[in-house]
Amino acid sequence: MNNESPSMPAQVPEATVVLLRRIRSGDAGAREDLFRRYLPLLRRWAHGRLPASARDLSDTDDIVQVTLVRALNHLDDFESQHPGAFLAYLRQILLNQVRDELRRRQRRPEFGELDAEMADAESPTLLEQMLGHERLRAYENALAELPKRQQGLIVMRLELGLSYPEIAVETGGTTDAVRVMVSRAIVQLAKGLNDDPTGT
């Protein structure tokens, strides 16, 4: 039985930390490996974050590519403080890109009908449709309150859909240890959601 995620290569991939080290040493192949690894994950994640009006495949691809290029261009400024830090870094850049795109669309309507464009810009993202706007806000607040390591685990598992073995590669842990750490992180996230007054 094959439990591999379709978004990751069949062989055991190098940890992101190793890829980043190779990129910093000038290995162009490592840049390509990083793009191949994160492009589908970020595309899927961005698609879920964009409202329906901005969910065009070319828009999503543009945002994801800009995210990866910005991350690589600022790699010297990035310090990996914990496992999953690079994914958290990518997530933050991507969130900023999505916000910038939404602001750009509100300033310059493309189809001439301002009312329709404003309504589309306010339409819920896929994640908002699943959770509801207030629950999504509560989720983001609860996530921000977690320690960075737990944030990274939550993002890798719940938002990017990485498997436990894939997270184990990223964190340098075992699959069983990752299962336990992710479970604990989810429990802490749930507690934060229950404590958040906007999450009810």
C-alpha atoms as a PDB file:
ATOM      1  CA  MET A   1       0.000   0.000   0.000  1.00  0.00           C
ATOM      2  CA  ASN A   2       1.369   3.385  -0.963  1.00  0.00           C
ATOM      3  CA  ASN A   3       0.893   6.107   1.656  1.00  0.00           C
ATOM      4  CA  GLU A   4       2.980   8.728  -0.094  1.00  0.00           C
ATOM      5  CA  SER A   5       1.607  12.170  -0.747  1.00  0.00           C
ATOM      6  CA  PRO A   6       1.301  12.991  -4.471  1.00  0.00           C
ATOM      7  CA  SER A   7       2.918  16.363  -3.787  1.00  0.00           C
ATOM      8  CA  MET A   8       6.273  14.929  -2.719  1.00  0.00           C
ATOM      9  CA  PRO A   9       8.755  12.777  -4.675  1.00  0.00           C
ATOM     10  CA  ALA A  10       8.651   8.986  -4.208  1.00  0.00           C
ATOM     11  CA  GLN A  11      12.164   8.763  -2.761  1.00  0.00           C
ATOM     12  CA  VAL A  12      12.842  10.172   0.676  1.00  0.00           C
ATOM     13  CA  PRO A  13      13.415  13.857   0.030  1.00  0.00           C
ATOM     14  CA  GLU A  14      16.205  15.855   1.563  1.00  0.00           C
ATOM     15  CA  ALA A  15      15.198  17.926   4.542  1.00  0.00           C
ATOM     16  CA  THR A  16      14.514  21.523   3.640  1.00  0.00           C
ATOM     17  CA  VAL A  17      17.404  22.568   5.870  1.00  0.00           C
ATOM     18  CA  VAL A  18      19.774  20.525   3.665  1.00  0.00           C
ATOM     19  CA  LEU A  19      18.298  22.035   0.493  1.00  0.00           C
ATOM     20  CA  LEU A  20      18.682  25.552   1.920  1.00  0.00           C
ATOM     21  CA  ARG A  21      22.302  24.829   2.816  1.00  0.00           C
ATOM     22  CA  ARG A  22      22.931  23.601  -0.746  1.00  0.00           C
ATOM     23  CA  ILE A  23      21.242  26.702  -2.200  1.00  0.00           C
ATOM     24  CA  ARG A  24      23.353  28.991  -0.026  1.00  0.00           C
ATOM     25  CA  SER A  25      26.463  27.230  -1.315  1.00  0.00           C
ATOM     26  CA  GLY A  26      25.404  27.989  -4.907  1.00  0.00           C
ATOM     27  CA  ASP A  27      23.850  24.667  -5.959  1.00  0.00           C
ATOM     28  CA  ALA A  28      21.365  25.594  -8.718  1.00  0.00           C
ATOM     29  CA  GLY A  29      19.914  22.063  -8.661  1.00  0.00           C
ATOM     30  CA  ALA A  30      18.873  22.580  -5.052  1.00  0.00           C
ATOM     31  CA  ARG A  31      16.851  25.649  -6.089  1.00  0.00           C
ATOM     32  CA  GLU A  32      15.019  23.514  -8.649  1.00  0.00           C
ATOM     33  CA  ASP A  33      14.437  20.787  -6.043  1.00  0.00           C
ATOM     34  CA  LEU A  34      12.999  23.357  -3.648  1.00  0.00           C
ATOM     35  CA  PHE A  35      10.686  24.747  -6.344  1.00  0.00           C
ATOM     36  CA  ARG A  36       9.509  21.253  -7.308  1.00  0.00           C
ATOM     37  CA  ARG A  37       8.821  20.401  -3.676  1.00  0.00           C
ATOM     38  CA  TYR A  38       6.936  23.529  -2.629  1.00  0.00           C
ATOM     39  CA  LEU A  39       5.244  24.734  -5.807  1.00  0.00           C
ATOM     40  CA  PRO A  40       2.329  22.237  -5.622  1.00  0.00           C
ATOM     41  CA  LEU A  41       1.948  22.627  -1.855  1.00  0.00           C
ATOM     42  CA  LEU A  42       1.874  26.414  -2.015  1.00  0.00           C
ATOM     43  CA  ARG A  43      -0.405  26.403  -5.065  1.00  0.00           C
ATOM     44  CA  ARG A  44      -2.943  24.268  -3.199  1.00  0.00           C
ATOM     45  CA  TRP A  45      -2.659  26.387  -0.072  1.00  0.00           C
ATOM     46  CA  ALA A  46      -2.923  29.702  -1.976  1.00  0.00           C
ATOM     47  CA  HIS A  47      -5.938  28.454  -3.907  1.00  0.00           C
ATOM     48  CA  GLY A  48      -7.723  27.835  -0.614  1.00  0.00           C
ATOM     49  CA  ARG A  49      -6.866  31.309   0.658  1.00  0.00           C
ATOM     50  CA  LEU A  50      -7.923  33.348  -2.380  1.00  0.00           C
ATOM     51  CA  PRO A  51     -11.519  34.520  -2.816  1.00  0.00           C
ATOM     52  CA  ALA A  52     -13.405  33.134  -5.816  1.00  0.00           C
ATOM     53  CA  SER A  53     -12.708  36.225  -7.926  1.00  0.00           C
ATOM     54  CA  ALA A  54      -8.958  35.807  -7.506  1.00  0.00           C
ATOM     55  CA  ARG A  55      -8.865  32.028  -7.721  1.00  0.00           C
ATOM     56  CA  ASP A  56      -7.791  31.943 -11.360  1.00  0.00           C
ATOM     57  CA  LEU A  57      -5.017  29.380 -11.897  1.00  0.00           C
ATOM     58  CA  SER A  58      -2.678  31.963 -13.432  1.00  0.00           C
ATOM     59  CA  ASP A  59      -3.200  34.333 -10.469  1.00  0.00           C
ATOM     60  CA  THR A  60      -2.510  31.522  -8.029  1.00  0.00           C
ATOM     61  CA  ASP A  61       0.599  30.435  -9.941  1.00  0.00           C
ATOM     62  CA  ASP A  62       1.873  34.017 -10.075  1.00  0.00           C
ATOM     63  CA  ILE A  63       1.422  34.502  -6.340  1.00  0.00           C
ATOM     64  CA  VAL A  64       3.105  31.186  -5.547  1.00  0.00           C
ATOM     65  CA  GLN A  65       6.050  31.835  -7.860  1.00  0.00           C
ATOM     66  CA  VAL A  66       6.546  35.330  -6.472  1.00  0.00           C
ATOM     67  CA  THR A  67       6.454  33.823  -2.969  1.00  0.00           C
ATOM     68  CA  LEU A  68       9.175  31.304  -3.779  1.00  0.00           C
ATOM     69  CA  VAL A  69      11.330  33.846  -5.591  1.00  0.00           C
ATOM     70  CA  ARG A  70      11.051  36.334  -2.717  1.00  0.00           C
ATOM     71  CA  ALA A  71      11.915  33.636  -0.202  1.00  0.00           C
ATOM     72  CA  LEU A  72      14.978  32.610  -2.189  1.00  0.00           C
ATOM     73  CA  ASN A  73      16.063  36.214  -2.798  1.00  0.00           C
ATOM     74  CA  HIS A  74      15.958  36.877   0.947  1.00  0.00           C
ATOM     75  CA  LEU A  75      17.458  33.579   1.991  1.00  0.00           C
ATOM     76  CA  ASP A  76      20.423  35.332   3.598  1.00  0.00           C
ATOM     77  CA  ASP A  77      17.983  37.082   5.961  1.00  0.00           C
ATOM     78  CA  PHE A  78      16.285  33.810   6.928  1.00  0.00           C
ATOM     79  CA  GLU A  79      17.444  31.899   9.999  1.00  0.00           C
ATOM     80  CA  SER A  80      15.937  28.532  10.750  1.00  0.00           C
ATOM     81  CA  GLN A  81      15.014  28.743  14.421  1.00  0.00           C
ATOM     82  CA  HIS A  82      13.042  25.479  14.512  1.00  0.00           C
ATOM     83  CA  PRO A  83      11.907  22.629  12.276  1.00  0.00           C
ATOM     84  CA  GLY A  84       9.244  23.872   9.907  1.00  0.00           C
ATOM     85  CA  ALA A  85      10.560  27.442  10.084  1.00  0.00           C
ATOM     86  CA  PHE A  86      11.033  27.677   6.316  1.00  0.00           C
ATOM     87  CA  LEU A  87       7.450  26.561   5.724  1.00  0.00           C
ATOM     88  CA  ALA A  88       6.253  29.166   8.212  1.00  0.00           C
ATOM     89  CA  TYR A  89       8.415  31.731   6.378  1.00  0.00           C
ATOM     90  CA  LEU A  90       6.867  30.724   3.025  1.00  0.00           C
ATOM     91  CA  ARG A  91       3.387  30.829   4.545  1.00  0.00           C
ATOM     92  CA  GLN A  92       3.917  34.385   5.802  1.00  0.00           C
ATOM     93  CA  ILE A  93       5.251  35.587   2.435  1.00  0.00           C
ATOM     94  CA  LEU A  94       2.320  33.903   0.707  1.00  0.00           C
ATOM     95  CA  LEU A  95      -0.201  35.484   3.086  1.00  0.00           C
ATOM     96  CA  ASN A  96       1.357  38.883   2.385  1.00  0.00           C
ATOM     97  CA  GLN A  97       1.158  38.236  -1.374  1.00  0.00           C
ATOM     98  CA  VAL A  98      -2.510  37.242  -1.110  1.00  0.00           C
ATOM     99  CA  ARG A  99      -3.282  40.402   0.890  1.00  0.00           C
ATOM    100  CA  ASP A 100      -1.388  42.540  -1.637  1.00  0.00           C
ATOM    101  CA  GLU A 101      -3.298  40.919  -4.507  1.00  0.00           C
ATOM    102  CA  LEU A 102      -6.645  41.548  -2.824  1.00  0.00           C
ATOM    103  CA  ARG A 103      -5.739  45.185  -2.169  1.00  0.00           C
ATOM    104  CA  ARG A 104      -4.572  45.581  -5.786  1.00  0.00           C
ATOM    105  CA  ARG A 105      -7.839  44.162  -7.094  1.00  0.00           C
ATOM    106  CA  GLN A 106      -9.867  46.503  -4.921  1.00  0.00           C
ATOM    107  CA  ARG A 107      -7.905  49.538  -6.139  1.00  0.00           C
ATOM    108  CA  ARG A 108      -8.027  48.624  -9.835  1.00  0.00           C
ATOM    109  CA  PRO A 109     -11.123  46.744 -10.911  1.00  0.00           C
ATOM    110  CA  GLU A 110     -10.304  44.721 -14.012  1.00  0.00           C
ATOM    111  CA  PHE A 111     -13.793  44.285 -15.436  1.00  0.00           C
ATOM    112  CA  GLY A 112     -15.136  47.772 -15.034  1.00  0.00           C
ATOM    113  CA  GLU A 113     -17.937  46.974 -12.599  1.00  0.00           C
ATOM    114  CA  LEU A 114     -16.794  48.224  -9.239  1.00  0.00           C
ATOM    115  CA  ASP A 115     -19.745  46.779  -7.326  1.00  0.00           C
ATOM    116  CA  ALA A 116     -19.244  43.296  -8.748  1.00  0.00           C
ATOM    117  CA  GLU A 117     -15.504  43.456  -8.121  1.00  0.00           C
ATOM    118  CA  MET A 118     -15.969  44.597  -4.529  1.00  0.00           C
ATOM    119  CA  ALA A 119     -18.467  41.812  -3.917  1.00  0.00           C
ATOM    120  CA  ASP A 120     -16.039  39.267  -5.391  1.00  0.00           C
ATOM    121  CA  ALA A 121     -13.142  40.610  -3.324  1.00  0.00           C
ATOM    122  CA  GLU A 122     -15.235  40.106  -0.215  1.00  0.00           C
ATOM    123  CA  SER A 123     -16.321  36.594  -1.172  1.00  0.00           C
ATOM    124  CA  PRO A 124     -15.024  33.946   1.194  1.00  0.00           C
ATOM    125  CA  THR A 125     -11.945  31.862   0.499  1.00  0.00           C
ATOM    126  CA  LEU A 126     -12.264  28.078   0.448  1.00  0.00           C
ATOM    127  CA  LEU A 127     -10.885  27.950   3.975  1.00  0.00           C
ATOM    128  CA  GLU A 128     -13.360  30.616   5.096  1.00  0.00           C
ATOM    129  CA  GLN A 129     -16.185  28.657   3.469  1.00  0.00           C
ATOM    130  CA  MET A 130     -15.177  25.565   5.427  1.00  0.00           C
ATOM    131  CA  LEU A 131     -14.562  27.294   8.744  1.00  0.00           C
ATOM    132  CA  GLY A 132     -16.574  30.488   8.454  1.00  0.00           C
ATOM    133  CA  HIS A 133     -14.975  33.936   8.653  1.00  0.00           C
ATOM    134  CA  GLU A 134     -15.077  34.226  12.438  1.00  0.00           C
ATOM    135  CA  ARG A 135     -13.777  30.668  12.959  1.00  0.00           C
ATOM    136  CA  LEU A 136     -10.947  31.369  10.521  1.00  0.00           C
ATOM    137  CA  ARG A 137     -10.029  34.495  12.470  1.00  0.00           C
ATOM    138  CA  ALA A 138     -10.173  32.498  15.708  1.00  0.00           C
ATOM    139  CA  TYR A 139      -7.990  29.798  14.106  1.00  0.00           C
ATOM    140  CA  GLU A 140      -5.398  32.377  13.009  1.00  0.00           C
ATOM    141  CA  ASN A 141      -5.400  33.928  16.518  1.00  0.00           C
ATOM    142  CA  ALA A 142      -5.069  30.546  18.238  1.00  0.00           C
ATOM    143  CA  LEU A 143      -2.297  29.520  15.828  1.00  0.00           C
ATOM    144  CA  ALA A 144      -0.378  32.731  16.512  1.00  0.00           C
ATOM    145  CA  GLU A 145      -0.458  31.990  20.264  1.00  0.00           C
ATOM    146  CA  LEU A 146       1.240  28.605  19.875  1.00  0.00           C
ATOM    147  CA  PRO A 147       5.008  28.190  20.176  1.00  0.00           C
ATOM    148  CA  LYS A 148       6.736  28.476  16.781  1.00  0.00           C
ATOM    149  CA  ARG A 149       7.502  24.759  16.642  1.00  0.00           C
ATOM    150  CA  GLN A 150       3.829  23.862  17.132  1.00  0.00           C
ATOM    151  CA  GLN A 151       2.790  26.485  14.589  1.00  0.00           C
ATOM    152  CA  GLY A 152       5.088  24.860  12.055  1.00  0.00           C
ATOM    153  CA  LEU A 153       3.661  21.410  12.768  1.00  0.00           C
ATOM    154  CA  ILE A 154       0.075  22.664  12.401  1.00  0.00           C
ATOM    155  CA  VAL A 155       0.855  24.460   9.145  1.00  0.00           C
ATOM    156  CA  MET A 156       2.666  21.445   7.704  1.00  0.00           C
ATOM    157  CA  ARG A 157      -0.075  18.976   8.634  1.00  0.00           C
ATOM    158  CA  LEU A 158      -3.347  20.900   8.430  1.00  0.00           C
ATOM    159  CA  GLU A 159      -2.678  23.671   5.940  1.00  0.00           C
ATOM    160  CA  LEU A 160      -0.142  22.134   3.576  1.00  0.00           C
ATOM    161  CA  GLY A 161      -1.345  18.561   3.990  1.00  0.00           C
ATOM    162  CA  LEU A 162       2.066  16.989   4.536  1.00  0.00           C
ATOM    163  CA  SER A 163       2.057  13.371   5.686  1.00  0.00           C
ATOM    164  CA  TYR A 164       3.649  12.348   8.973  1.00  0.00           C
ATOM    165  CA  PRO A 165       6.680  10.862   7.170  1.00  0.00           C
ATOM    166  CA  GLU A 166       7.115  14.120   5.209  1.00  0.00           C
ATOM    167  CA  ILE A 167       6.957  16.143   8.421  1.00  0.00           C
ATOM    168  CA  ALA A 168       9.458  13.737   9.978  1.00  0.00           C
ATOM    169  CA  VAL A 169      11.895  14.537   7.155  1.00  0.00           C
ATOM    170  CA  GLU A 170      11.386  18.268   7.715  1.00  0.00           C
ATOM    171  CA  THR A 171      11.783  18.071  11.490  1.00  0.00           C
ATOM    172  CA  GLY A 172      14.454  15.406  11.648  1.00  0.00           C
ATOM    173  CA  GLY A 173      12.259  13.278  13.907  1.00  0.00           C
ATOM    174  CA  THR A 174      10.661   9.889  13.568  1.00  0.00           C
ATOM    175  CA  THR A 175       7.209   9.398  12.119  1.00  0.00           C
ATOM    176  CA  ASP A 176       5.873   8.223  15.489  1.00  0.00           C
ATOM    177  CA  ALA A 177       7.369  11.207  17.311  1.00  0.00           C
ATOM    178  CA  VAL A 178       5.856  13.536  14.713  1.00  0.00           C
ATOM    179  CA  ARG A 179       2.413  11.970  15.204  1.00  0.00           C
ATOM    180  CA  VAL A 180       2.649  12.660  18.925  1.00  0.00           C
ATOM    181  CA  MET A 181       3.947  16.227  18.439  1.00  0.00           C
ATOM    182  CA  VAL A 182       1.244  17.045  15.868  1.00  0.00           C
ATOM    183  CA  SER A 183      -1.439  15.591  18.148  1.00  0.00           C
ATOM    184  CA  ARG A 184      -0.226  17.724  21.036  1.00  0.00           C
ATOM    185  CA  ALA A 185      -0.096  20.803  18.819  1.00  0.00           C
ATOM    186  CA  ILE A 186      -3.671  20.176  17.656  1.00  0.00           C
ATOM    187  CA  VAL A 187      -4.824  19.822  21.274  1.00  0.00           C
ATOM    188  CA  GLN A 188      -3.170  23.158  22.130  1.00  0.00           C
ATOM    189  CA  LEU A 189      -4.737  24.751  19.047  1.00  0.00           C
ATOM    190  CA  ALA A 190      -8.167  23.430  20.061  1.00  0.00           C
ATOM    191  CA  LYS A 191      -7.716  24.866  23.558  1.00  0.00           C
ATOM    192  CA  GLY A 192      -6.850  28.216  21.998  1.00  0.00           C
ATOM    193  CA  LEU A 193      -9.932  28.034  19.791  1.00  0.00           C
ATOM    194  CA  ASN A 194     -12.115  27.264  22.791  1.00  0.00           C
ATOM    195  CA  ASP A 195     -10.627  30.208  24.708  1.00  0.00           C
ATOM    196  CA  ASP A 196     -11.079  32.659  21.793  1.00  0.00           C
ATOM    197  CA  PRO A 197     -14.298  34.668  22.212  1.00  0.00           C
ATOM    198  CA  THR A 198     -14.605  35.111  18.415  1.00  0.00           C
ATOM    199  CA  GLY A 199     -14.398  31.342  17.902  1.00  0.00           C
ATOM    200  CA  THR A 200     -17.761  30.472  19.407  1.00  0.00           C
END
